[in-house]
Amino acid sequence: MSKLPVLSGKQLCRVLEKVGYFTDHQTGSHVILRSEKPPNRRLTIPNHKELAKGTLRSIIRQAGLSLEEFKRLQ
């Protein structure tokens, strides 16, 4: 199993913008990203200094990316 990088919420948003997600709005400490392409996913990203590995892995899975695809985007 490959290791996940340590990212902040802001860094993760920048990586996901490369795939077609855009910032819809922010509620408290969570940024809501949306995708224009079908299946029009909605992701909730905690705007923390460091994301937990399980949270990061879950967001990558929800975005429809594999770990290898995600690492290439960085």
PDB file of N, CA and C in Angstrom:
ATOM      1  N   MET A   1       0.849  -1.165   0.000  1.00  0.00           N
ATOM      2  CA  MET A   1       0.000   0.000   0.000  1.00  0.00           C
ATOM      3  C   MET A   1       0.899   1.233   0.000  1.00  0.00           C
ATOM      4  N   SER A   2       0.574   2.190  -0.837  1.00  0.00           N
ATOM      5  CA  SER A   2       1.395   3.391  -0.941  1.00  0.00           C
ATOM      6  C   SER A   2       1.024   4.401   0.140  1.00  0.00           C
ATOM      7  N   LYS A   3       2.013   5.200   0.528  1.00  0.00           N
ATOM      8  CA  LYS A   3       1.795   6.175   1.580  1.00  0.00           C
ATOM      9  C   LYS A   3       1.084   7.403   1.041  1.00  0.00           C
ATOM     10  N   LEU A   4       0.250   7.975   1.884  1.00  0.00           N
ATOM     11  CA  LEU A   4      -0.443   9.203   1.529  1.00  0.00           C
ATOM     12  C   LEU A   4       0.391  10.407   1.946  1.00  0.00           C
ATOM     13  N   PRO A   5       0.348  11.475   1.165  1.00  0.00           N
ATOM     14  CA  PRO A   5       1.060  12.687   1.567  1.00  0.00           C
ATOM     15  C   PRO A   5       0.308  13.403   2.679  1.00  0.00           C
ATOM     16  N   VAL A   6       0.998  14.278   3.397  1.00  0.00           N
ATOM     17  CA  VAL A   6       0.369  15.104   4.421  1.00  0.00           C
ATOM     18  C   VAL A   6      -0.035  16.404   3.748  1.00  0.00           C
ATOM     19  N   LEU A   7      -1.327  16.680   3.706  1.00  0.00           N
ATOM     20  CA  LEU A   7      -1.849  17.875   3.036  1.00  0.00           C
ATOM     21  C   LEU A   7      -2.753  18.653   3.966  1.00  0.00           C
ATOM     22  N   SER A   8      -2.833  19.960   3.717  1.00  0.00           N
ATOM     23  CA  SER A   8      -3.828  20.781   4.408  1.00  0.00           C
ATOM     24  C   SER A   8      -5.093  20.781   3.552  1.00  0.00           C
ATOM     25  N   GLY A   9      -6.169  21.302   4.096  1.00  0.00           N
ATOM     26  CA  GLY A   9      -7.412  21.384   3.350  1.00  0.00           C
ATOM     27  C   GLY A   9      -7.273  22.265   2.127  1.00  0.00           C
ATOM     28  N   LYS A  10      -6.544  23.370   2.258  1.00  0.00           N
ATOM     29  CA  LYS A  10      -6.350  24.303   1.150  1.00  0.00           C
ATOM     30  C   LYS A  10      -5.544  23.654   0.028  1.00  0.00           C
ATOM     31  N   GLN A  11      -4.503  22.887   0.387  1.00  0.00           N
ATOM     32  CA  GLN A  11      -3.695  22.193  -0.618  1.00  0.00           C
ATOM     33  C   GLN A  11      -4.522  21.145  -1.358  1.00  0.00           C
ATOM     34  N   LEU A  12      -5.374  20.437  -0.628  1.00  0.00           N
ATOM     35  CA  LEU A  12      -6.219  19.427  -1.249  1.00  0.00           C
ATOM     36  C   LEU A  12      -7.193  20.064  -2.232  1.00  0.00           C
ATOM     37  N   CYS A  13      -7.736  21.229  -1.881  1.00  0.00           N
ATOM     38  CA  CYS A  13      -8.644  21.927  -2.794  1.00  0.00           C
ATOM     39  C   CYS A  13      -7.931  22.283  -4.094  1.00  0.00           C
ATOM     40  N   ARG A  14      -6.682  22.750  -4.007  1.00  0.00           N
ATOM     41  CA  ARG A  14      -5.916  23.099  -5.209  1.00  0.00           C
ATOM     42  C   ARG A  14      -5.679  21.881  -6.095  1.00  0.00           C
ATOM     43  N   VAL A  15      -5.399  20.728  -5.483  1.00  0.00           N
ATOM     44  CA  VAL A  15      -5.176  19.506  -6.256  1.00  0.00           C
ATOM     45  C   VAL A  15      -6.468  19.087  -6.953  1.00  0.00           C
ATOM     46  N   LEU A  16      -7.591  19.158  -6.250  1.00  0.00           N
ATOM     47  CA  LEU A  16      -8.860  18.730  -6.840  1.00  0.00           C
ATOM     48  C   LEU A  16      -9.354  19.700  -7.916  1.00  0.00           C
ATOM     49  N   GLU A  17      -8.928  20.957  -7.859  1.00  0.00           N
ATOM     50  CA  GLU A  17      -9.288  21.907  -8.914  1.00  0.00           C
ATOM     51  C   GLU A  17      -8.671  21.510 -10.249  1.00  0.00           C
ATOM     52  N   LYS A  18      -7.542  20.818 -10.224  1.00  0.00           N
ATOM     53  CA  LYS A  18      -6.900  20.343 -11.452  1.00  0.00           C
ATOM     54  C   LYS A  18      -7.757  19.296 -12.155  1.00  0.00           C
ATOM     55  N   VAL A  19      -8.618  18.625 -11.403  1.00  0.00           N
ATOM     56  CA  VAL A  19      -9.450  17.556 -11.956  1.00  0.00           C
ATOM     57  C   VAL A  19     -10.817  18.073 -12.387  1.00  0.00           C
ATOM     58  N   GLY A  20     -11.129  19.337 -12.097  1.00  0.00           N
ATOM     59  CA  GLY A  20     -12.400  19.896 -12.540  1.00  0.00           C
ATOM     60  C   GLY A  20     -13.342  20.283 -11.428  1.00  0.00           C
ATOM     61  N   TYR A  21     -12.902  20.250 -10.177  1.00  0.00           N
ATOM     62  CA  TYR A  21     -13.737  20.691  -9.067  1.00  0.00           C
ATOM     63  C   TYR A  21     -13.554  22.189  -8.872  1.00  0.00           C
ATOM     64  N   PHE A  22     -14.589  22.855  -8.407  1.00  0.00           N
ATOM     65  CA  PHE A  22     -14.492  24.283  -8.104  1.00  0.00           C
ATOM     66  C   PHE A  22     -15.124  24.533  -6.740  1.00  0.00           C
ATOM     67  N   THR A  23     -14.671  25.610  -6.093  1.00  0.00           N
ATOM     68  CA  THR A  23     -15.188  25.960  -4.774  1.00  0.00           C
ATOM     69  C   THR A  23     -16.584  26.536  -4.923  1.00  0.00           C
ATOM     70  N   ASP A  24     -17.547  25.890  -4.305  1.00  0.00           N
ATOM     71  CA  ASP A  24     -18.935  26.351  -4.346  1.00  0.00           C
ATOM     72  C   ASP A  24     -19.169  27.357  -3.225  1.00  0.00           C
ATOM     73  N   HIS A  25     -18.859  26.966  -1.999  1.00  0.00           N
ATOM     74  CA  HIS A  25     -18.983  27.869  -0.860  1.00  0.00           C
ATOM     75  C   HIS A  25     -18.251  27.281   0.334  1.00  0.00           C
ATOM     76  N   GLN A  26     -18.208  28.060   1.402  1.00  0.00           N
ATOM     77  CA  GLN A  26     -17.591  27.600   2.638  1.00  0.00           C
ATOM     78  C   GLN A  26     -18.561  27.814   3.776  1.00  0.00           C
ATOM     79  N   THR A  27     -18.717  26.789   4.594  1.00  0.00           N
ATOM     80  CA  THR A  27     -19.568  26.864   5.781  1.00  0.00           C
ATOM     81  C   THR A  27     -18.691  26.547   6.982  1.00  0.00           C
ATOM     82  N   GLY A  28     -18.409  27.548   7.783  1.00  0.00           N
ATOM     83  CA  GLY A  28     -17.537  27.351   8.932  1.00  0.00           C
ATOM     84  C   GLY A  28     -16.152  26.964   8.483  1.00  0.00           C
ATOM     85  N   SER A  29     -15.649  25.837   8.970  1.00  0.00           N
ATOM     86  CA  SER A  29     -14.303  25.393   8.609  1.00  0.00           C
ATOM     87  C   SER A  29     -14.319  24.322   7.520  1.00  0.00           C
ATOM     88  N   HIS A  30     -15.410  24.225   6.758  1.00  0.00           N
ATOM     89  CA  HIS A  30     -15.499  23.236   5.692  1.00  0.00           C
ATOM     90  C   HIS A  30     -15.748  23.922   4.352  1.00  0.00           C
ATOM     91  N   VAL A  31     -14.941  23.536   3.364  1.00  0.00           N
ATOM     92  CA  VAL A  31     -15.076  24.063   2.007  1.00  0.00           C
ATOM     93  C   VAL A  31     -15.863  23.047   1.197  1.00  0.00           C
ATOM     94  N   ILE A  32     -16.865  23.515   0.461  1.00  0.00           N
ATOM     95  CA  ILE A  32     -17.693  22.647  -0.367  1.00  0.00           C
ATOM     96  C   ILE A  32     -17.238  22.801  -1.815  1.00  0.00           C
ATOM     97  N   LEU A  33     -16.800  21.692  -2.415  1.00  0.00           N
ATOM     98  CA  LEU A  33     -16.386  21.685  -3.818  1.00  0.00           C
ATOM     99  C   LEU A  33     -17.443  20.968  -4.644  1.00  0.00           C
ATOM    100  N   ARG A  34     -17.619  21.419  -5.871  1.00  0.00           N
ATOM    101  CA  ARG A  34     -18.556  20.776  -6.798  1.00  0.00           C
ATOM    102  C   ARG A  34     -17.841  20.469  -8.100  1.00  0.00           C
ATOM    103  N   SER A  35     -18.359  19.488  -8.814  1.00  0.00           N
ATOM    104  CA  SER A  35     -17.830  19.108 -10.116  1.00  0.00           C
ATOM    105  C   SER A  35     -18.866  19.436 -11.173  1.00  0.00           C
ATOM    106  N   GLU A  36     -18.399  20.042 -12.269  1.00  0.00           N
ATOM    107  CA  GLU A  36     -19.330  20.360 -13.358  1.00  0.00           C
ATOM    108  C   GLU A  36     -19.641  19.138 -14.207  1.00  0.00           C
ATOM    109  N   LYS A  37     -18.694  18.202 -14.258  1.00  0.00           N
ATOM    110  CA  LYS A  37     -18.862  17.019 -15.091  1.00  0.00           C
ATOM    111  C   LYS A  37     -19.722  15.977 -14.379  1.00  0.00           C
ATOM    112  N   PRO A  38     -20.526  15.237 -15.129  1.00  0.00           N
ATOM    113  CA  PRO A  38     -21.281  14.151 -14.501  1.00  0.00           C
ATOM    114  C   PRO A  38     -20.326  13.167 -13.871  1.00  0.00           C
ATOM    115  N   PRO A  39     -20.623  12.619 -12.759  1.00  0.00           N
ATOM    116  CA  PRO A  39     -21.877  12.573 -12.023  1.00  0.00           C
ATOM    117  C   PRO A  39     -22.080  13.730 -11.039  1.00  0.00           C
ATOM    118  N   ASN A  40     -21.552  14.923 -11.310  1.00  0.00           N
ATOM    119  CA  ASN A  40     -21.786  16.134 -10.504  1.00  0.00           C
ATOM    120  C   ASN A  40     -21.614  15.885  -9.011  1.00  0.00           C
ATOM    121  N   ARG A  41     -20.427  15.454  -8.653  1.00  0.00           N
ATOM    122  CA  ARG A  41     -20.142  15.152  -7.244  1.00  0.00           C
ATOM    123  C   ARG A  41     -20.016  16.416  -6.414  1.00  0.00           C
ATOM    124  N   ARG A  42     -20.256  16.275  -5.128  1.00  0.00           N
ATOM    125  CA  ARG A  42     -20.099  17.351  -4.147  1.00  0.00           C
ATOM    126  C   ARG A  42     -19.193  16.819  -3.050  1.00  0.00           C
ATOM    127  N   LEU A  43     -18.101  17.526  -2.793  1.00  0.00           N
ATOM    128  CA  LEU A  43     -17.141  17.096  -1.784  1.00  0.00           C
ATOM    129  C   LEU A  43     -17.072  18.122  -0.665  1.00  0.00           C
ATOM    130  N   THR A  44     -16.953  17.662   0.548  1.00  0.00           N
ATOM    131  CA  THR A  44     -16.779  18.522   1.708  1.00  0.00           C
ATOM    132  C   THR A  44     -15.364  18.332   2.222  1.00  0.00           C
ATOM    133  N   ILE A  45     -14.591  19.419   2.201  1.00  0.00           N
ATOM    134  CA  ILE A  45     -13.187  19.372   2.596  1.00  0.00           C
ATOM    135  C   ILE A  45     -13.012  20.158   3.890  1.00  0.00           C
ATOM    136  N   PRO A  46     -12.528  19.529   4.963  1.00  0.00           N
ATOM    137  CA  PRO A  46     -12.245  20.281   6.183  1.00  0.00           C
ATOM    138  C   PRO A  46     -11.074  21.222   5.931  1.00  0.00           C
ATOM    139  N   ASN A  47     -11.201  22.470   6.303  1.00  0.00           N
ATOM    140  CA  ASN A  47     -10.142  23.459   6.082  1.00  0.00           C
ATOM    141  C   ASN A  47      -9.214  23.466   7.291  1.00  0.00           C
ATOM    142  N   HIS A  48      -8.502  22.346   7.491  1.00  0.00           N
ATOM    143  CA  HIS A  48      -7.599  22.189   8.621  1.00  0.00           C
ATOM    144  C   HIS A  48      -6.159  22.278   8.137  1.00  0.00           C
ATOM    145  N   LYS A  49      -5.243  22.503   9.074  1.00  0.00           N
ATOM    146  CA  LYS A  49      -3.826  22.592   8.711  1.00  0.00           C
ATOM    147  C   LYS A  49      -3.286  21.256   8.232  1.00  0.00           C
ATOM    148  N   GLU A  50      -3.792  20.170   8.790  1.00  0.00           N
ATOM    149  CA  GLU A  50      -3.351  18.833   8.404  1.00  0.00           C
ATOM    150  C   GLU A  50      -4.555  17.902   8.429  1.00  0.00           C
ATOM    151  N   LEU A  51      -4.826  17.240   7.294  1.00  0.00           N
ATOM    152  CA  LEU A  51      -5.955  16.313   7.210  1.00  0.00           C
ATOM    153  C   LEU A  51      -5.535  14.939   7.711  1.00  0.00           C
ATOM    154  N   ALA A  52      -6.431  14.276   8.404  1.00  0.00           N
ATOM    155  CA  ALA A  52      -6.185  12.909   8.854  1.00  0.00           C
ATOM    156  C   ALA A  52      -6.106  11.990   7.634  1.00  0.00           C
ATOM    157  N   LYS A  53      -5.296  10.949   7.735  1.00  0.00           N
ATOM    158  CA  LYS A  53      -5.094  10.054   6.598  1.00  0.00           C
ATOM    159  C   LYS A  53      -6.386   9.380   6.146  1.00  0.00           C
ATOM    160  N   GLY A  54      -7.219   8.984   7.091  1.00  0.00           N
ATOM    161  CA  GLY A  54      -8.492   8.353   6.737  1.00  0.00           C
ATOM    162  C   GLY A  54      -9.425   9.320   6.038  1.00  0.00           C
ATOM    163  N   THR A  55      -9.422  10.566   6.480  1.00  0.00           N
ATOM    164  CA  THR A  55     -10.250  11.596   5.845  1.00  0.00           C
ATOM    165  C   THR A  55      -9.769  11.848   4.426  1.00  0.00           C
ATOM    166  N   LEU A  56      -8.457  11.970   4.256  1.00  0.00           N
ATOM    167  CA  LEU A  56      -7.887  12.204   2.927  1.00  0.00           C
ATOM    168  C   LEU A  56      -8.199  11.047   1.989  1.00  0.00           C
ATOM    169  N   ARG A  57      -8.036   9.819   2.475  1.00  0.00           N
ATOM    170  CA  ARG A  57      -8.320   8.639   1.650  1.00  0.00           C
ATOM    171  C   ARG A  57      -9.794   8.595   1.246  1.00  0.00           C
ATOM    172  N   SER A  58     -10.676   8.955   2.164  1.00  0.00           N
ATOM    173  CA  SER A  58     -12.105   8.960   1.874  1.00  0.00           C
ATOM    174  C   SER A  58     -12.458  10.012   0.820  1.00  0.00           C
ATOM    175  N   ILE A  59     -11.859  11.198   0.922  1.00  0.00           N
ATOM    176  CA  ILE A  59     -12.138  12.264  -0.047  1.00  0.00           C
ATOM    177  C   ILE A  59     -11.627  11.874  -1.433  1.00  0.00           C
ATOM    178  N   ILE A  60     -10.456  11.248  -1.493  1.00  0.00           N
ATOM    179  CA  ILE A  60      -9.918  10.788  -2.775  1.00  0.00           C
ATOM    180  C   ILE A  60     -10.866   9.779  -3.406  1.00  0.00           C
ATOM    181  N   ARG A  61     -11.384   8.866  -2.597  1.00  0.00           N
ATOM    182  CA  ARG A  61     -12.322   7.850  -3.080  1.00  0.00           C
ATOM    183  C   ARG A  61     -13.621   8.507  -3.571  1.00  0.00           C
ATOM    184  N   GLN A  62     -14.137   9.483  -2.817  1.00  0.00           N
ATOM    185  CA  GLN A  62     -15.370  10.174  -3.197  1.00  0.00           C
ATOM    186  C   GLN A  62     -15.194  10.969  -4.490  1.00  0.00           C
ATOM    187  N   ALA A  63     -13.980  11.453  -4.733  1.00  0.00           N
ATOM    188  CA  ALA A  63     -13.701  12.218  -5.949  1.00  0.00           C
ATOM    189  C   ALA A  63     -13.602  11.312  -7.176  1.00  0.00           C
ATOM    190  N   GLY A  64     -13.574  10.005  -6.958  1.00  0.00           N
ATOM    191  CA  GLY A  64     -13.509   9.062  -8.067  1.00  0.00           C
ATOM    192  C   GLY A  64     -12.098   8.863  -8.586  1.00  0.00           C
ATOM    193  N   LEU A  65     -11.097   9.095  -7.735  1.00  0.00           N
ATOM    194  CA  LEU A  65      -9.699   8.953  -8.128  1.00  0.00           C
ATOM    195  C   LEU A  65      -9.073   7.757  -7.426  1.00  0.00           C
ATOM    196  N   SER A  66      -8.074   7.186  -8.076  1.00  0.00           N
ATOM    197  CA  SER A  66      -7.266   6.169  -7.398  1.00  0.00           C
ATOM    198  C   SER A  66      -6.107   6.893  -6.714  1.00  0.00           C
ATOM    199  N   LEU A  67      -5.414   6.201  -5.815  1.00  0.00           N
ATOM    200  CA  LEU A  67      -4.284   6.825  -5.127  1.00  0.00           C
ATOM    201  C   LEU A  67      -3.176   7.204  -6.100  1.00  0.00           C
ATOM    202  N   GLU A  68      -2.940   6.384  -7.127  1.00  0.00           N
ATOM    203  CA  GLU A  68      -1.910   6.672  -8.110  1.00  0.00           C
ATOM    204  C   GLU A  68      -2.271   7.912  -8.919  1.00  0.00           C
ATOM    205  N   GLU A  69      -3.531   8.040  -9.335  1.00  0.00           N
ATOM    206  CA  GLU A  69      -3.975   9.226 -10.070  1.00  0.00           C
ATOM    207  C   GLU A  69      -3.812  10.479  -9.212  1.00  0.00           C
ATOM    208  N   PHE A  70      -4.163  10.359  -7.938  1.00  0.00           N
ATOM    209  CA  PHE A  70      -4.060  11.501  -7.032  1.00  0.00           C
ATOM    210  C   PHE A  70      -2.618  11.940  -6.864  1.00  0.00           C
ATOM    211  N   LYS A  71      -1.713  10.983  -6.707  1.00  0.00           N
ATOM    212  CA  LYS A  71      -0.300  11.326  -6.518  1.00  0.00           C
ATOM    213  C   LYS A  71       0.288  11.985  -7.767  1.00  0.00           C
ATOM    214  N   ARG A  72      -0.167  11.593  -8.964  1.00  0.00           N
ATOM    215  CA  ARG A  72       0.316  12.221 -10.188  1.00  0.00           C
ATOM    216  C   ARG A  72      -0.140  13.675 -10.297  1.00  0.00           C
ATOM    217  N   LEU A  73      -1.253  14.021  -9.693  1.00  0.00           N
ATOM    218  CA  LEU A  73      -1.791  15.381  -9.771  1.00  0.00           C
ATOM    219  C   LEU A  73      -1.029  16.375  -8.905  1.00  0.00           C
ATOM    220  N   GLN A  74      -0.323  15.901  -7.908  1.00  0.00           N
ATOM    221  CA  GLN A  74       0.353  16.810  -6.989  1.00  0.00           C
ATOM    222  C   GLN A  74       1.490  17.537  -7.608  1.00  0.00           C
TER     223      GLN A  74
END
